[in-house]
Amino acid sequence: MSLTSAATEVTVAVEAARELERAVEKFGPMASPHEGWAVIREELDELWEHVKANTGRGPEARKEAIQVAAMALRYVFDLCEEAP
């Protein structure tokens, strides 16, 4: 992995962490696995709209992909048991 690649990965991880923090502050913790699935599905559907419109590599699709990552992390933090 190159330094440029590593820096990009860290940048994306920081963006996902910021989105996670924003969502938790705005909406609080997820209440159930059903809610978690629905939130992730909503974000994924928004990303899918960009893919279908052939804009899946653009800035708005990137934003949606970051939101998918953040909501997946939120699911883990809010709903999953600690790893053994």
N, C-alpha and C. Protein backbone atom coordinates (compact mmCIF):
# COMPACT_ATOMS: atom_id res chain seq x y z
N MET A 1 0.84 -1.17 0.00
CA MET A 1 0.00 0.00 0.00
C MET A 1 0.89 1.24 0.00
N SER A 2 0.58 2.17 -0.86
CA SER A 2 1.36 3.40 -0.93
C SER A 2 0.89 4.38 0.14
N LEU A 3 1.72 5.38 0.39
CA LEU A 3 1.34 6.41 1.37
C LEU A 3 0.11 7.17 0.91
N THR A 4 0.02 7.43 -0.38
CA THR A 4 -1.15 8.13 -0.90
C THR A 4 -2.41 7.31 -0.67
N SER A 5 -2.32 6.02 -0.93
CA SER A 5 -3.46 5.14 -0.72
C SER A 5 -3.84 5.08 0.75
N ALA A 6 -2.85 4.96 1.62
CA ALA A 6 -3.11 4.91 3.06
C ALA A 6 -3.75 6.22 3.53
N ALA A 7 -3.28 7.34 3.03
CA ALA A 7 -3.85 8.63 3.42
C ALA A 7 -5.29 8.74 2.96
N THR A 8 -5.59 8.24 1.77
CA THR A 8 -6.97 8.26 1.26
C THR A 8 -7.86 7.39 2.12
N GLU A 9 -7.38 6.21 2.50
CA GLU A 9 -8.17 5.32 3.35
C GLU A 9 -8.46 5.96 4.70
N VAL A 10 -7.48 6.63 5.27
CA VAL A 10 -7.68 7.31 6.55
C VAL A 10 -8.69 8.44 6.38
N THR A 11 -8.60 9.18 5.29
CA THR A 11 -9.55 10.27 5.04
C THR A 11 -10.97 9.74 4.96
N VAL A 12 -11.17 8.64 4.26
CA VAL A 12 -12.51 8.05 4.14
C VAL A 12 -12.99 7.56 5.50
N ALA A 13 -12.12 6.94 6.27
CA ALA A 13 -12.49 6.47 7.60
C ALA A 13 -12.89 7.64 8.50
N VAL A 14 -12.17 8.74 8.41
CA VAL A 14 -12.50 9.93 9.21
C VAL A 14 -13.85 10.50 8.77
N GLU A 15 -14.11 10.54 7.48
CA GLU A 15 -15.40 11.01 6.99
C GLU A 15 -16.54 10.14 7.51
N ALA A 16 -16.35 8.82 7.49
CA ALA A 16 -17.38 7.90 8.00
C ALA A 16 -17.58 8.12 9.50
N ALA A 17 -16.49 8.32 10.23
CA ALA A 17 -16.61 8.56 11.67
C ALA A 17 -17.35 9.85 11.96
N ARG A 18 -17.11 10.88 11.17
CA ARG A 18 -17.83 12.16 11.35
C ARG A 18 -19.31 12.00 11.04
N GLU A 19 -19.61 11.25 9.98
CA GLU A 19 -21.01 11.00 9.63
C GLU A 19 -21.69 10.19 10.73
N LEU A 20 -20.98 9.22 11.27
CA LEU A 20 -21.50 8.43 12.38
C LEU A 20 -21.82 9.33 13.57
N GLU A 21 -20.91 10.19 13.92
CA GLU A 21 -21.11 11.10 15.05
C GLU A 21 -22.31 12.02 14.80
N ARG A 22 -22.42 12.55 13.60
CA ARG A 22 -23.54 13.43 13.25
C ARG A 22 -24.87 12.70 13.39
N ALA A 23 -24.92 11.47 12.90
CA ALA A 23 -26.16 10.70 12.95
C ALA A 23 -26.55 10.35 14.38
N VAL A 24 -25.58 9.99 15.20
CA VAL A 24 -25.87 9.65 16.59
C VAL A 24 -26.38 10.88 17.33
N GLU A 25 -25.75 12.03 17.09
CA GLU A 25 -26.21 13.26 17.75
C GLU A 25 -27.62 13.64 17.30
N LYS A 26 -27.92 13.44 16.04
CA LYS A 26 -29.22 13.84 15.50
C LYS A 26 -30.33 12.86 15.83
N PHE A 27 -30.03 11.54 15.79
CA PHE A 27 -31.08 10.54 15.92
C PHE A 27 -30.98 9.65 17.15
N GLY A 28 -29.86 9.69 17.86
CA GLY A 28 -29.68 8.78 18.99
C GLY A 28 -29.35 7.38 18.52
N PRO A 29 -29.26 6.43 19.46
CA PRO A 29 -28.88 5.07 19.08
C PRO A 29 -30.00 4.34 18.34
N MET A 30 -29.62 3.37 17.56
CA MET A 30 -30.60 2.51 16.90
C MET A 30 -31.27 1.66 17.97
N ALA A 31 -32.58 1.49 17.84
CA ALA A 31 -33.36 0.79 18.86
C ALA A 31 -33.44 -0.71 18.66
N SER A 32 -33.27 -1.18 17.43
CA SER A 32 -33.44 -2.60 17.16
C SER A 32 -32.71 -2.98 15.89
N PRO A 33 -32.43 -4.28 15.73
CA PRO A 33 -31.84 -4.72 14.46
C PRO A 33 -32.72 -4.37 13.25
N HIS A 34 -34.03 -4.41 13.42
CA HIS A 34 -34.93 -4.06 12.32
C HIS A 34 -34.71 -2.61 11.90
N GLU A 35 -34.64 -1.72 12.88
CA GLU A 35 -34.39 -0.31 12.57
C GLU A 35 -33.03 -0.15 11.90
N GLY A 36 -32.02 -0.83 12.44
CA GLY A 36 -30.68 -0.75 11.86
C GLY A 36 -30.65 -1.18 10.41
N TRP A 37 -31.31 -2.30 10.13
CA TRP A 37 -31.38 -2.80 8.76
C TRP A 37 -32.07 -1.77 7.86
N ALA A 38 -33.17 -1.20 8.35
CA ALA A 38 -33.93 -0.24 7.54
C ALA A 38 -33.11 1.01 7.23
N VAL A 39 -32.35 1.48 8.20
CA VAL A 39 -31.52 2.67 7.99
C VAL A 39 -30.43 2.37 6.96
N ILE A 40 -29.77 1.24 7.11
CA ILE A 40 -28.73 0.86 6.15
C ILE A 40 -29.35 0.69 4.76
N ARG A 41 -30.50 0.05 4.69
CA ARG A 41 -31.17 -0.18 3.41
C ARG A 41 -31.53 1.15 2.74
N GLU A 42 -32.00 2.11 3.52
CA GLU A 42 -32.34 3.42 2.96
C GLU A 42 -31.12 4.08 2.33
N GLU A 43 -30.00 4.05 3.05
CA GLU A 43 -28.78 4.65 2.51
C GLU A 43 -28.29 3.88 1.29
N LEU A 44 -28.38 2.57 1.33
CA LEU A 44 -27.96 1.75 0.21
C LEU A 44 -28.85 2.00 -1.01
N ASP A 45 -30.14 2.17 -0.80
CA ASP A 45 -31.05 2.47 -1.90
C ASP A 45 -30.69 3.82 -2.55
N GLU A 46 -30.30 4.79 -1.73
CA GLU A 46 -29.89 6.09 -2.28
C GLU A 46 -28.63 5.95 -3.11
N LEU A 47 -27.69 5.14 -2.67
CA LEU A 47 -26.48 4.87 -3.46
C LEU A 47 -26.86 4.14 -4.76
N TRP A 48 -27.77 3.18 -4.67
CA TRP A 48 -28.21 2.42 -5.83
C TRP A 48 -28.81 3.34 -6.90
N GLU A 49 -29.53 4.39 -6.48
CA GLU A 49 -30.08 5.34 -7.44
C GLU A 49 -28.96 5.99 -8.27
N HIS A 50 -27.85 6.31 -7.64
CA HIS A 50 -26.71 6.88 -8.37
C HIS A 50 -26.11 5.85 -9.32
N VAL A 51 -26.00 4.62 -8.87
CA VAL A 51 -25.45 3.57 -9.73
C VAL A 51 -26.32 3.41 -10.97
N LYS A 52 -27.63 3.33 -10.77
CA LYS A 52 -28.54 3.15 -11.90
C LYS A 52 -28.50 4.34 -12.85
N ALA A 53 -28.26 5.54 -12.33
CA ALA A 53 -28.21 6.75 -13.14
C ALA A 53 -26.84 6.99 -13.76
N ASN A 54 -25.95 6.03 -13.58
CA ASN A 54 -24.58 6.12 -14.08
C ASN A 54 -23.83 7.32 -13.49
N THR A 55 -24.17 7.66 -12.24
CA THR A 55 -23.44 8.70 -11.50
C THR A 55 -22.80 8.10 -10.25
N GLY A 56 -22.57 6.80 -10.29
CA GLY A 56 -22.07 6.07 -9.13
C GLY A 56 -20.64 6.35 -8.74
N ARG A 57 -19.93 7.12 -9.54
CA ARG A 57 -18.55 7.49 -9.20
C ARG A 57 -18.43 8.96 -8.80
N GLY A 58 -19.55 9.66 -8.78
CA GLY A 58 -19.52 11.09 -8.51
C GLY A 58 -19.55 11.43 -7.03
N PRO A 59 -19.49 12.72 -6.73
CA PRO A 59 -19.41 13.17 -5.33
C PRO A 59 -20.65 12.83 -4.50
N GLU A 60 -21.83 12.86 -5.11
CA GLU A 60 -23.03 12.52 -4.36
C GLU A 60 -23.07 11.03 -4.04
N ALA A 61 -22.63 10.20 -4.98
CA ALA A 61 -22.56 8.75 -4.72
C ALA A 61 -21.53 8.47 -3.62
N ARG A 62 -20.44 9.20 -3.65
CA ARG A 62 -19.42 9.04 -2.60
C ARG A 62 -20.02 9.36 -1.24
N LYS A 63 -20.79 10.44 -1.19
CA LYS A 63 -21.44 10.84 0.07
C LYS A 63 -22.37 9.73 0.56
N GLU A 64 -23.13 9.14 -0.35
CA GLU A 64 -24.03 8.05 0.04
C GLU A 64 -23.24 6.82 0.51
N ALA A 65 -22.14 6.52 -0.16
CA ALA A 65 -21.31 5.37 0.25
C ALA A 65 -20.72 5.59 1.64
N ILE A 66 -20.32 6.81 1.93
CA ILE A 66 -19.82 7.15 3.27
C ILE A 66 -20.95 6.95 4.29
N GLN A 67 -22.17 7.33 3.94
CA GLN A 67 -23.30 7.14 4.85
C GLN A 67 -23.60 5.66 5.07
N VAL A 68 -23.48 4.85 4.03
CA VAL A 68 -23.65 3.40 4.20
C VAL A 68 -22.63 2.87 5.19
N ALA A 69 -21.37 3.27 5.02
CA ALA A 69 -20.31 2.82 5.93
C ALA A 69 -20.60 3.27 7.36
N ALA A 70 -21.00 4.52 7.52
CA ALA A 70 -21.27 5.05 8.86
C ALA A 70 -22.43 4.33 9.53
N MET A 71 -23.48 4.04 8.77
CA MET A 71 -24.63 3.35 9.35
C MET A 71 -24.31 1.89 9.68
N ALA A 72 -23.44 1.28 8.91
CA ALA A 72 -23.00 -0.08 9.24
C ALA A 72 -22.21 -0.06 10.55
N LEU A 73 -21.35 0.92 10.72
CA LEU A 73 -20.62 1.06 11.99
C LEU A 73 -21.59 1.33 13.14
N ARG A 74 -22.55 2.18 12.88
CA ARG A 74 -23.55 2.50 13.92
C ARG A 74 -24.30 1.25 14.34
N TYR A 75 -24.65 0.41 13.38
CA TYR A 75 -25.32 -0.86 13.69
C TYR A 75 -24.46 -1.69 14.64
N VAL A 76 -23.19 -1.82 14.33
CA VAL A 76 -22.28 -2.59 15.16
C VAL A 76 -22.20 -2.00 16.56
N PHE A 77 -22.00 -0.71 16.66
CA PHE A 77 -21.84 -0.06 17.97
C PHE A 77 -23.11 -0.10 18.79
N ASP A 78 -24.26 0.11 18.15
CA ASP A 78 -25.53 0.20 18.88
C ASP A 78 -26.17 -1.14 19.18
N LEU A 79 -25.98 -2.13 18.31
CA LEU A 79 -26.81 -3.32 18.39
C LEU A 79 -26.07 -4.64 18.58
N CYS A 80 -24.81 -4.70 18.24
CA CYS A 80 -24.09 -5.98 18.29
C CYS A 80 -23.40 -6.18 19.64
N GLU A 81 -23.31 -7.42 20.03
CA GLU A 81 -22.58 -7.76 21.24
C GLU A 81 -21.09 -7.57 20.97
N GLU A 82 -20.34 -7.39 22.03
CA GLU A 82 -18.90 -7.26 21.92
C GLU A 82 -18.31 -8.50 21.28
N ALA A 83 -17.26 -8.33 20.50
CA ALA A 83 -16.57 -9.48 19.90
C ALA A 83 -15.90 -10.28 21.00
N PRO A 84 -15.87 -11.62 20.84
CA PRO A 84 -15.23 -12.45 21.88
C PRO A 84 -13.74 -12.21 21.99
